[in-house]
Amino acid sequence: MGAKLTTLHDQSLFKPKGTLVVENVDYKKLKKLIVSRRLAPFWEQQEQQQEGREECPICNYWYPALNTASCCTARLCTECFVMCQTSHDPPGKATCPFCKHKPFCVRYTGYKSVEQIQSEDREKQIVAEAKLRQLKEYAMAAAQRTRQQQQQRQQSSLPAAVHPHSTNPQQQQQQQQDQNTVWWDSVVGPSTAVVQHNRGQLVSVYAEAGYNHRA
């Protein structure tokens, strides 16, 4: 049921308070809707939050009670509802500013109890905390990806490790010659031989003795 008006002689409940410029309005029809509790009165706006009041998400003023959109159950004051309808071309055929449903209709169910308001506040707090946790998790994941990318770039910029046995063919040939020279000199004497490779055979030519050895 809609909230009972303090007095039907309080004409301020039937007209906008001047926060928004409203034109082309039939105030007689508005008064009938308010008196029949189909539309919330034009309450006095409050800039600060007070217990038992609701905030209109469009004008951000606080009211004792708001209208409820029939399409998405969003809440808004009568002044903002009238502004949405009269600013549309043609007037009265506006779409819902929250969910874009058309036609945009509202109903008035009266005051919310303090328990209802507190319960809704708790639900909003839970949703806000869940969104905050999600943002933190996303930020942590993004930071981890950044660290991994930096590590990969650092590793790719380091010179490749050289394996102790990974030498080119020329180096391998020279190493084999050095090893053969040391082995043959240890058998027949010091550096009197010139070591050469010929078709895979080691040939030692000694200048002093004229001695040839074929390994």
Protein backbone atom coordinates (compact mmCIF):
# COMPACT_ATOMS: atom_id res chain seq x y z
CA MET A 1 0.00 0.00 0.00
CA GLY A 2 1.14 3.54 -0.63
CA ALA A 3 2.14 5.81 2.20
CA LYS A 4 -0.58 8.05 3.57
CA LEU A 5 -0.01 11.75 2.95
CA THR A 6 0.29 13.99 5.97
CA THR A 7 -2.49 16.18 4.65
CA LEU A 8 -4.17 16.54 1.30
CA HIS A 9 -4.11 20.28 1.80
CA ASP A 10 -0.31 20.39 1.60
CA GLN A 11 -0.09 21.65 -1.96
CA SER A 12 3.72 21.42 -1.93
CA LEU A 13 3.40 17.64 -2.25
CA PHE A 14 1.80 17.97 -5.66
CA LYS A 15 4.32 20.20 -7.43
CA PRO A 16 8.06 19.94 -8.21
CA LYS A 17 10.33 21.77 -5.81
CA GLY A 18 12.17 23.59 -8.57
CA THR A 19 15.27 21.41 -8.67
CA LEU A 20 14.46 20.55 -12.29
CA VAL A 21 12.64 22.68 -14.81
CA VAL A 22 9.50 20.74 -15.71
CA GLU A 23 7.29 22.00 -18.52
CA ASN A 24 4.17 20.81 -20.31
CA VAL A 25 2.84 19.08 -17.22
CA ASP A 26 -0.81 18.60 -16.34
CA TYR A 27 -0.64 19.17 -12.58
CA LYS A 28 -4.25 18.10 -12.10
CA LYS A 29 -3.44 14.61 -13.41
CA LEU A 30 -0.30 14.51 -11.31
CA LYS A 31 -2.29 15.40 -8.22
CA LYS A 32 -4.78 12.62 -8.93
CA LEU A 33 -2.00 10.08 -9.30
CA ILE A 34 -0.40 11.21 -6.05
CA VAL A 35 -3.64 11.26 -4.10
CA SER A 36 -4.51 7.78 -5.37
CA ARG A 37 -1.07 6.63 -4.27
CA ARG A 38 -0.04 5.59 -7.77
CA LEU A 39 2.83 8.07 -7.74
CA ALA A 40 5.08 9.27 -4.93
CA PRO A 41 4.58 12.84 -3.73
CA PHE A 42 7.01 15.62 -4.53
CA TRP A 43 8.85 15.27 -1.26
CA GLU A 44 11.18 17.90 0.12
CA GLN A 45 14.69 17.04 -1.04
CA GLN A 46 17.53 16.48 1.39
CA GLU A 47 21.16 16.77 0.31
CA GLN A 48 22.52 14.66 3.16
CA GLN A 49 21.72 11.05 3.99
CA GLN A 50 19.25 10.58 6.82
CA GLU A 51 17.91 7.47 8.47
CA GLY A 52 14.79 6.17 6.78
CA ARG A 53 15.42 8.05 3.52
CA GLU A 54 16.34 6.77 0.06
CA GLU A 55 18.61 8.34 -2.51
CA CYS A 56 17.36 8.92 -6.03
CA PRO A 57 20.16 7.69 -8.34
CA ILE A 58 19.37 10.37 -10.93
CA CYS A 59 19.27 13.62 -8.94
CA ASN A 60 21.12 12.24 -5.86
CA TYR A 61 18.71 13.78 -3.38
CA TRP A 62 17.29 11.86 -0.43
CA TYR A 63 13.55 11.27 -0.02
CA PRO A 64 11.24 9.50 2.45
CA ALA A 65 10.04 7.19 -0.35
CA LEU A 66 10.57 6.66 -4.08
CA ASN A 67 8.78 5.19 -7.05
CA THR A 68 9.70 1.76 -8.42
CA ALA A 69 10.19 1.15 -12.13
CA SER A 70 7.81 -1.58 -13.31
CA CYS A 71 10.40 -3.00 -15.73
CA CYS A 72 13.58 -3.33 -13.64
CA THR A 73 12.52 -2.29 -10.10
CA ALA A 74 14.94 0.64 -10.12
CA ARG A 75 14.00 3.43 -7.72
CA LEU A 76 13.62 7.12 -8.55
CA CYS A 77 11.80 10.21 -7.34
CA THR A 78 8.66 11.62 -8.93
CA GLU A 79 10.40 14.76 -10.14
CA CYS A 80 12.96 12.73 -12.13
CA PHE A 81 10.21 10.48 -13.48
CA VAL A 82 8.23 13.48 -14.71
CA MET A 83 11.37 15.00 -16.22
CA CYS A 84 12.08 11.78 -18.16
CA GLN A 85 8.54 11.68 -19.53
CA THR A 86 8.17 15.35 -20.46
CA SER A 87 11.62 15.65 -22.05
CA HIS A 88 10.86 12.83 -24.47
CA ASP A 89 9.47 13.43 -27.94
CA PRO A 90 6.59 12.73 -27.95
CA PRO A 91 6.00 13.37 -24.23
CA GLY A 92 4.94 10.39 -22.15
CA LYS A 93 6.67 7.80 -24.40
CA ALA A 94 10.05 7.70 -22.71
CA THR A 95 12.21 4.61 -22.28
CA CYS A 96 13.50 3.53 -18.88
CA PRO A 97 16.77 5.37 -18.13
CA PHE A 98 18.06 2.27 -16.31
CA CYS A 99 17.23 -0.69 -18.56
CA LYS A 100 15.98 1.10 -21.72
CA HIS A 101 12.63 -0.71 -21.57
CA LYS A 102 9.71 0.92 -23.27
CA PRO A 103 7.20 2.12 -22.11
CA PHE A 104 8.65 3.54 -18.90
CA CYS A 105 6.16 3.07 -16.07
CA VAL A 106 6.46 3.28 -12.30
CA ARG A 107 4.45 2.27 -9.25
CA TYR A 108 4.42 3.63 -5.74
CA THR A 109 4.47 1.21 -2.84
CA GLY A 110 5.04 3.64 0.00
CA TYR A 111 7.71 3.87 2.62
CA LYS A 112 10.35 1.25 3.14
CA SER A 113 10.86 0.02 6.66
CA VAL A 114 14.15 0.68 8.40
CA GLU A 115 14.83 -3.07 8.27
CA GLN A 116 14.35 -3.10 4.50
CA ILE A 117 16.70 -0.20 4.00
CA GLN A 118 19.32 -1.74 6.27
CA SER A 119 19.03 -5.08 4.47
CA GLU A 120 19.48 -3.39 1.09
CA ASP A 121 22.47 -1.47 2.42
CA ARG A 122 24.07 -4.74 3.55
CA GLU A 123 23.47 -6.29 0.13
CA LYS A 124 25.06 -3.27 -1.55
CA GLN A 125 28.03 -3.57 0.78
CA ILE A 126 28.44 -7.27 -0.05
CA VAL A 127 28.33 -6.50 -3.78
CA ALA A 128 30.85 -3.68 -3.38
CA GLU A 129 33.24 -5.92 -1.42
CA ALA A 130 32.93 -8.68 -4.02
CA LYS A 131 33.76 -6.21 -6.80
CA LEU A 132 36.74 -4.94 -4.80
CA ARG A 133 38.08 -8.48 -4.33
CA GLN A 134 37.66 -9.14 -8.04
CA LEU A 135 39.61 -5.98 -8.89
CA LYS A 136 42.40 -6.96 -6.47
CA GLU A 137 42.63 -10.45 -7.98
CA TYR A 138 42.77 -8.99 -11.47
CA ALA A 139 45.52 -6.55 -10.42
CA MET A 140 47.55 -9.36 -8.82
CA ALA A 141 47.22 -11.54 -11.93
CA ALA A 142 48.27 -8.66 -14.16
CA ALA A 143 51.30 -7.96 -11.96
CA GLN A 144 52.31 -11.64 -12.09
CA ARG A 145 52.05 -11.67 -15.89
CA THR A 146 54.22 -8.56 -16.04
CA ARG A 147 56.89 -10.16 -13.85
CA GLN A 148 56.91 -13.31 -15.99
CA GLN A 149 57.29 -11.26 -19.15
CA GLN A 150 60.18 -9.32 -17.64
CA GLN A 151 61.92 -12.55 -16.62
CA GLN A 152 61.48 -13.97 -20.12
CA ARG A 153 62.95 -10.82 -21.67
CA GLN A 154 65.91 -10.92 -19.30
CA GLN A 155 66.59 -14.58 -20.07
CA SER A 156 66.38 -14.02 -23.81
CA SER A 157 68.88 -11.15 -23.57
CA LEU A 158 71.55 -13.32 -21.87
CA PRO A 159 74.27 -14.88 -24.16
CA ALA A 160 73.76 -18.56 -24.88
CA ALA A 161 75.82 -20.85 -22.63
CA VAL A 162 78.69 -22.52 -24.52
CA HIS A 163 79.00 -26.24 -23.93
CA PRO A 164 82.62 -27.23 -23.16
CA HIS A 165 82.65 -29.79 -26.00
CA SER A 166 80.70 -27.74 -28.54
CA THR A 167 83.51 -26.61 -30.83
CA ASN A 168 83.53 -26.08 -34.56
CA PRO A 169 85.29 -28.56 -36.93
CA GLN A 170 88.46 -26.46 -37.25
CA GLN A 171 88.83 -26.25 -33.49
CA GLN A 172 88.25 -30.00 -33.19
CA GLN A 173 90.97 -30.68 -35.84
CA GLN A 174 93.45 -28.42 -34.09
CA GLN A 175 92.71 -30.03 -30.73
CA GLN A 176 93.28 -33.49 -32.29
CA GLN A 177 96.59 -32.37 -33.79
CA ASP A 178 97.74 -31.00 -30.44
CA GLN A 179 96.79 -34.23 -28.70
CA ASN A 180 98.67 -36.36 -31.35
CA THR A 181 101.75 -34.15 -31.13
CA VAL A 182 101.91 -34.50 -27.37
CA TRP A 183 101.40 -38.30 -27.61
CA TRP A 184 104.08 -38.84 -30.34
CA ASP A 185 106.63 -36.52 -28.72
CA SER A 186 106.25 -38.41 -25.49
CA VAL A 187 107.24 -41.62 -27.35
CA VAL A 188 110.12 -40.60 -29.68
CA GLY A 189 111.38 -37.36 -28.27
CA PRO A 190 110.82 -33.65 -28.11
CA SER A 191 109.75 -31.27 -30.85
CA THR A 192 111.75 -32.67 -33.76
CA ALA A 193 108.68 -33.77 -35.71
CA VAL A 194 106.32 -31.90 -37.96
CA VAL A 195 102.88 -33.45 -37.60
CA GLN A 196 100.53 -33.51 -40.58
CA HIS A 197 97.30 -35.24 -41.50
CA ASN A 198 97.00 -36.97 -44.87
CA ARG A 199 93.78 -38.85 -45.68
CA GLY A 200 93.13 -39.61 -42.09
CA GLN A 201 96.71 -40.93 -41.46
CA LEU A 202 99.16 -39.34 -39.13
CA VAL A 203 102.58 -38.85 -40.84
CA SER A 204 105.65 -37.81 -38.81
CA VAL A 205 108.64 -36.51 -40.70
CA TYR A 206 111.84 -36.25 -38.77
CA ALA A 207 114.42 -33.90 -40.24
CA GLU A 208 117.33 -35.32 -38.32
CA ALA A 209 116.86 -39.10 -38.77
CA GLY A 210 114.86 -39.09 -42.00
CA TYR A 211 112.54 -41.56 -40.29
CA ASN A 212 108.93 -41.93 -41.44
CA HIS A 213 106.28 -43.40 -39.21
CA ARG A 214 102.81 -44.20 -40.43
CA ALA A 215 100.26 -44.51 -37.63
